[in-house]
Protein backbone atom coordinates (compact mmCIF):
# COMPACT_ATOMS: atom_id res chain seq x y z
CA MET A 1 122.40 87.04 92.03
CA SER A 2 120.98 83.77 90.88
CA HIS A 3 117.37 82.86 91.51
CA GLY A 4 115.27 80.17 89.93
CA ASN A 5 112.69 80.69 87.23
CA ASP A 6 109.97 79.58 89.63
CA ASP A 7 110.93 82.33 92.08
CA LYS A 8 111.14 84.86 89.27
CA ASN A 9 107.72 83.87 87.93
CA LEU A 10 106.19 83.98 91.40
CA ALA A 11 107.73 87.41 92.02
CA MET A 12 106.30 88.62 88.72
CA LEU A 13 102.83 87.31 89.61
CA THR A 14 103.10 88.81 93.09
CA HIS A 15 103.65 92.27 91.63
CA LEU A 16 100.98 91.78 88.98
CA SER A 17 98.38 90.54 91.49
CA GLY A 18 98.38 93.88 93.29
CA PHE A 19 95.76 95.60 91.19
CA LEU A 20 93.34 92.68 91.57
CA PHE A 21 93.97 91.40 95.09
CA SER A 22 95.63 94.39 96.82
CA ILE A 23 97.82 93.22 99.72
CA ILE A 24 96.59 89.61 99.86
CA VAL A 25 99.00 87.84 97.48
CA PRO A 26 102.14 89.82 98.40
CA LEU A 27 101.37 89.28 102.09
CA ILE A 28 100.90 85.52 101.66
CA VAL A 29 104.09 85.15 99.58
CA TRP A 30 106.06 87.20 102.10
CA LEU A 31 104.69 85.34 105.15
CA ILE A 32 105.40 81.94 103.61
CA ASN A 33 108.98 82.76 102.60
CA LYS A 34 110.20 85.39 105.09
CA ASP A 35 112.13 82.94 107.27
CA ARG A 36 113.72 80.99 104.41
CA SER A 37 117.26 82.11 103.60
CA ASP A 38 117.13 80.43 100.18
CA LYS A 39 114.16 82.64 99.19
CA SER A 40 115.71 86.07 99.87
CA TYR A 41 114.95 87.25 96.32
CA LEU A 42 111.29 86.31 96.65
CA VAL A 43 111.10 87.90 100.11
CA THR A 44 112.57 91.15 98.76
CA GLU A 45 110.17 91.32 95.81
CA SER A 46 107.10 90.38 97.88
CA LYS A 47 107.99 93.03 100.50
CA GLU A 48 108.33 95.61 97.74
CA ALA A 49 104.93 94.66 96.29
CA LEU A 50 103.38 94.58 99.78
CA ASN A 51 104.75 98.01 100.68
CA PHE A 52 103.42 99.48 97.45
CA GLN A 53 99.98 97.95 97.93
CA LEU A 54 99.86 99.21 101.53
CA THR A 55 100.70 102.69 100.20
CA VAL A 56 97.92 102.39 97.61
CA LEU A 57 95.50 101.18 100.28
CA LEU A 58 96.34 104.20 102.42
CA GLY A 59 95.80 106.38 99.34
CA TYR A 60 92.34 104.86 98.86
CA VAL A 61 91.46 105.67 102.48
CA ILE A 62 92.57 109.27 101.95
CA CYS A 63 90.56 109.44 98.70
CA TRP A 64 87.50 108.13 100.53
CA ILE A 65 87.88 110.86 103.14
CA LEU A 66 88.32 113.48 100.40
CA THR A 67 85.08 112.49 98.68
CA VAL A 68 83.47 114.95 101.08
CA ILE A 69 84.98 117.76 99.00
CA LEU A 70 84.43 115.82 95.74
CA ILE A 71 88.09 115.64 94.69
CA GLY A 72 88.38 112.20 96.29
CA ALA A 73 86.42 110.50 93.50
CA PHE A 74 88.78 111.90 90.86
CA LEU A 75 91.86 110.99 92.90
CA HIS A 76 90.48 107.49 93.44
CA VAL A 77 90.36 106.92 89.67
CA VAL A 78 93.86 108.36 89.24
CA LEU A 79 95.21 106.12 92.01
CA TRP A 80 93.49 103.08 90.50
CA ILE A 81 95.11 103.76 87.10
CA LEU A 82 98.53 104.35 88.71
CA ASN A 83 98.21 101.09 90.60
CA ILE A 84 97.54 99.16 87.40
CA VAL A 85 100.37 100.87 85.51
CA PHE A 86 102.96 100.36 88.25
CA CYS A 87 101.94 96.73 88.84
CA ILE A 88 102.39 96.00 85.13
CA LEU A 89 105.71 97.89 85.03
CA ALA A 90 106.95 95.94 88.05
CA ALA A 91 105.93 92.59 86.56
CA VAL A 92 107.65 93.37 83.25
CA ARG A 93 110.82 94.61 84.95
CA VAL A 94 110.98 91.54 87.20
CA SER A 95 110.54 89.24 84.22
CA GLN A 96 113.35 91.03 82.35
CA SER A 97 115.95 92.13 84.88
CA GLY A 98 114.79 90.36 88.01
CA SER A 99 114.06 93.25 90.37
CA TYR A 100 111.86 96.33 90.71
CA ARG A 101 111.61 99.14 93.23
CA TYR A 102 108.48 101.30 93.09
CA PRO A 103 109.28 105.02 92.73
CA PHE A 104 106.94 105.94 95.57
CA ALA A 105 105.99 103.59 98.34
CA LEU A 106 106.03 103.78 102.09
CA ARG A 107 108.50 101.21 103.40
CA LEU A 108 106.23 99.89 106.17
CA VAL A 109 107.35 96.27 106.01
CA SER A 110 111.11 95.91 106.31
């Protein structure tokens, strides 16, 4: 599959933006490009990043609820670190091979 460097760079930044801006950047990139057939690569990567960030957001909600029994604070830190690691892994993989699929993510946006 051939996709331009601009699309590849934007896909990389979309994945990388997750740990700073959560769902905002992947959602914007997906909404802007979802109806464009020439941007299918970018749509796929932004949906993948969006689904992962939605999963992380749900994890944060669960951690917040679990703070009542004190384990939530620990899990929040673990989730935060995992988010950073997987966002960086995704950005590197996209810059090298062009595509990344997170090992665990709810596929809410299809």
